[in-house]
Amino acid sequence: MKEMKIVKTPYEKHIFVCCNVKADGTGCGTRGGEELRVELKKQGLEKGLTKLRVNRSGCLGFCEESIAVAVYPEGKFMLDVKVEGVRLEDF
């Protein structure tokens, strides 16, 4: 078994957008989580931000409230984010 290796992240900012769909059909993935992720990624590419990573995440624990977004290294969670009018600068 190989030994675990720790490496420094190449990203200055990492955004995780919940795209979870629960077994009962609810969750951020049914509220536009994937569309939000795509839009944030598109804005980053348009701005040439090569040290930004925008990923899907599983449940962040706020699916009952709204789409949840976690932003690192700030360690902040954002709720009630809507794809309409979203600006990458707000993250």
C-alpha atoms as a PDB file:
ATOM      1  CA  MET A   1       0.000   0.000   0.000  1.00  0.00           C
ATOM      2  CA  LYS A   2       1.339   3.417  -0.978  1.00  0.00           C
ATOM      3  CA  GLU A   3       1.892   6.000   1.695  1.00  0.00           C
ATOM      4  CA  MET A   4      -0.482   8.947   1.674  1.00  0.00           C
ATOM      5  CA  LYS A   5       1.010  12.065   0.118  1.00  0.00           C
ATOM      6  CA  ILE A   6       0.028  15.642   0.962  1.00  0.00           C
ATOM      7  CA  VAL A   7       0.420  18.218  -1.796  1.00  0.00           C
ATOM      8  CA  LYS A   8      -0.254  21.951  -1.921  1.00  0.00           C
ATOM      9  CA  THR A   9      -3.375  22.870  -3.860  1.00  0.00           C
ATOM     10  CA  PRO A  10      -2.775  24.696  -7.143  1.00  0.00           C
ATOM     11  CA  TYR A  11      -5.995  26.707  -6.600  1.00  0.00           C
ATOM     12  CA  GLU A  12      -6.385  30.055  -4.874  1.00  0.00           C
ATOM     13  CA  LYS A  13     -10.145  29.575  -4.545  1.00  0.00           C
ATOM     14  CA  HIS A  14     -12.244  26.427  -4.540  1.00  0.00           C
ATOM     15  CA  ILE A  15     -16.036  26.660  -4.812  1.00  0.00           C
ATOM     16  CA  PHE A  16     -18.216  23.642  -4.045  1.00  0.00           C
ATOM     17  CA  VAL A  17     -21.837  23.849  -5.246  1.00  0.00           C
ATOM     18  CA  CYS A  18     -24.243  21.317  -3.800  1.00  0.00           C
ATOM     19  CA  CYS A  19     -25.835  19.320  -6.619  1.00  0.00           C
ATOM     20  CA  ASN A  20     -27.257  16.607  -4.382  1.00  0.00           C
ATOM     21  CA  VAL A  21     -30.549  14.918  -5.253  1.00  0.00           C
ATOM     22  CA  LYS A  22     -32.019  12.954  -2.387  1.00  0.00           C
ATOM     23  CA  ALA A  23     -33.897   9.679  -2.783  1.00  0.00           C
ATOM     24  CA  ASP A  24     -37.203  11.522  -2.359  1.00  0.00           C
ATOM     25  CA  GLY A  25     -36.360  13.806  -5.304  1.00  0.00           C
ATOM     26  CA  THR A  26     -35.560  16.928  -3.268  1.00  0.00           C
ATOM     27  CA  GLY A  27     -32.269  18.717  -2.721  1.00  0.00           C
ATOM     28  CA  CYS A  28     -30.031  21.352  -4.247  1.00  0.00           C
ATOM     29  CA  GLY A  29     -29.731  19.391  -7.463  1.00  0.00           C
ATOM     30  CA  THR A  30     -33.446  19.864  -8.102  1.00  0.00           C
ATOM     31  CA  ARG A  31     -33.282  23.580  -7.271  1.00  0.00           C
ATOM     32  CA  GLY A  32     -30.692  24.546  -9.873  1.00  0.00           C
ATOM     33  CA  GLY A  33     -27.423  23.541  -8.211  1.00  0.00           C
ATOM     34  CA  GLU A  34     -25.906  22.165 -11.415  1.00  0.00           C
ATOM     35  CA  GLU A  35     -26.945  25.227 -13.430  1.00  0.00           C
ATOM     36  CA  LEU A  36     -25.339  27.456 -10.786  1.00  0.00           C
ATOM     37  CA  ARG A  37     -22.106  25.450 -10.894  1.00  0.00           C
ATOM     38  CA  VAL A  38     -21.979  25.671 -14.692  1.00  0.00           C
ATOM     39  CA  GLU A  39     -22.550  29.448 -14.619  1.00  0.00           C
ATOM     40  CA  LEU A  40     -19.833  30.075 -12.012  1.00  0.00           C
ATOM     41  CA  LYS A  41     -17.387  27.907 -13.944  1.00  0.00           C
ATOM     42  CA  LYS A  42     -18.252  29.735 -17.181  1.00  0.00           C
ATOM     43  CA  GLN A  43     -17.626  33.112 -15.565  1.00  0.00           C
ATOM     44  CA  GLY A  44     -14.266  31.921 -14.241  1.00  0.00           C
ATOM     45  CA  LEU A  45     -13.202  30.690 -17.675  1.00  0.00           C
ATOM     46  CA  GLU A  46     -14.325  33.937 -19.321  1.00  0.00           C
ATOM     47  CA  LYS A  47     -12.182  35.880 -16.844  1.00  0.00           C
ATOM     48  CA  GLY A  48      -9.196  33.580 -17.404  1.00  0.00           C
ATOM     49  CA  LEU A  49      -9.062  32.539 -13.742  1.00  0.00           C
ATOM     50  CA  THR A  50      -6.804  29.503 -13.904  1.00  0.00           C
ATOM     51  CA  LYS A  51      -6.426  29.241 -10.121  1.00  0.00           C
ATOM     52  CA  LEU A  52     -10.168  28.821  -9.543  1.00  0.00           C
ATOM     53  CA  ARG A  53     -11.895  25.474  -9.218  1.00  0.00           C
ATOM     54  CA  VAL A  54     -15.692  25.069  -9.255  1.00  0.00           C
ATOM     55  CA  ASN A  55     -16.910  21.584  -8.323  1.00  0.00           C
ATOM     56  CA  ARG A  56     -20.121  19.711  -7.571  1.00  0.00           C
ATOM     57  CA  SER A  57     -20.511  18.566  -4.028  1.00  0.00           C
ATOM     58  CA  GLY A  58     -22.770  16.164  -2.284  1.00  0.00           C
ATOM     59  CA  CYS A  59     -25.061  17.376   0.472  1.00  0.00           C
ATOM     60  CA  LEU A  60     -23.669  20.280   2.500  1.00  0.00           C
ATOM     61  CA  GLY A  61     -26.512  20.030   5.009  1.00  0.00           C
ATOM     62  CA  PHE A  62     -28.705  22.900   3.844  1.00  0.00           C
ATOM     63  CA  CYS A  63     -30.867  21.194   1.201  1.00  0.00           C
ATOM     64  CA  GLU A  64     -34.034  21.988   3.128  1.00  0.00           C
ATOM     65  CA  GLU A  65     -33.295  25.729   2.878  1.00  0.00           C
ATOM     66  CA  SER A  66     -31.771  26.476  -0.515  1.00  0.00           C
ATOM     67  CA  ILE A  67     -28.834  25.730  -2.799  1.00  0.00           C
ATOM     68  CA  ALA A  68     -25.709  25.680  -0.649  1.00  0.00           C
ATOM     69  CA  VAL A  69     -22.263  26.794  -1.766  1.00  0.00           C
ATOM     70  CA  ALA A  70     -19.023  26.334   0.184  1.00  0.00           C
ATOM     71  CA  VAL A  71     -16.085  28.609  -0.616  1.00  0.00           C
ATOM     72  CA  TYR A  72     -12.476  27.890   0.358  1.00  0.00           C
ATOM     73  CA  PRO A  73     -10.000  28.965   1.622  1.00  0.00           C
ATOM     74  CA  GLU A  74     -12.434  31.424   3.246  1.00  0.00           C
ATOM     75  CA  GLY A  75     -14.418  28.557   4.745  1.00  0.00           C
ATOM     76  CA  LYS A  76     -17.744  30.291   4.209  1.00  0.00           C
ATOM     77  CA  PHE A  77     -21.106  28.826   3.274  1.00  0.00           C
ATOM     78  CA  MET A  78     -23.507  30.789   1.106  1.00  0.00           C
ATOM     79  CA  LEU A  79     -27.239  30.095   0.941  1.00  0.00           C
ATOM     80  CA  ASP A  80     -30.078  31.386  -1.235  1.00  0.00           C
ATOM     81  CA  VAL A  81     -27.723  31.737  -4.208  1.00  0.00           C
ATOM     82  CA  LYS A  82     -29.624  31.981  -7.470  1.00  0.00           C
ATOM     83  CA  VAL A  83     -28.219  31.426 -10.950  1.00  0.00           C
ATOM     84  CA  GLU A  84     -30.016  34.521 -12.227  1.00  0.00           C
ATOM     85  CA  GLY A  85     -27.703  37.485 -11.740  1.00  0.00           C
ATOM     86  CA  VAL A  86     -25.002  35.506  -9.921  1.00  0.00           C
ATOM     87  CA  ARG A  87     -21.579  37.158 -10.031  1.00  0.00           C
ATOM     88  CA  LEU A  88     -18.381  35.257  -9.396  1.00  0.00           C
ATOM     89  CA  GLU A  89     -17.015  38.389  -7.688  1.00  0.00           C
ATOM     90  CA  ASP A  90     -19.474  37.806  -4.818  1.00  0.00           C
ATOM     91  CA  PHE A  91     -17.642  34.612  -3.886  1.00  0.00           C
END
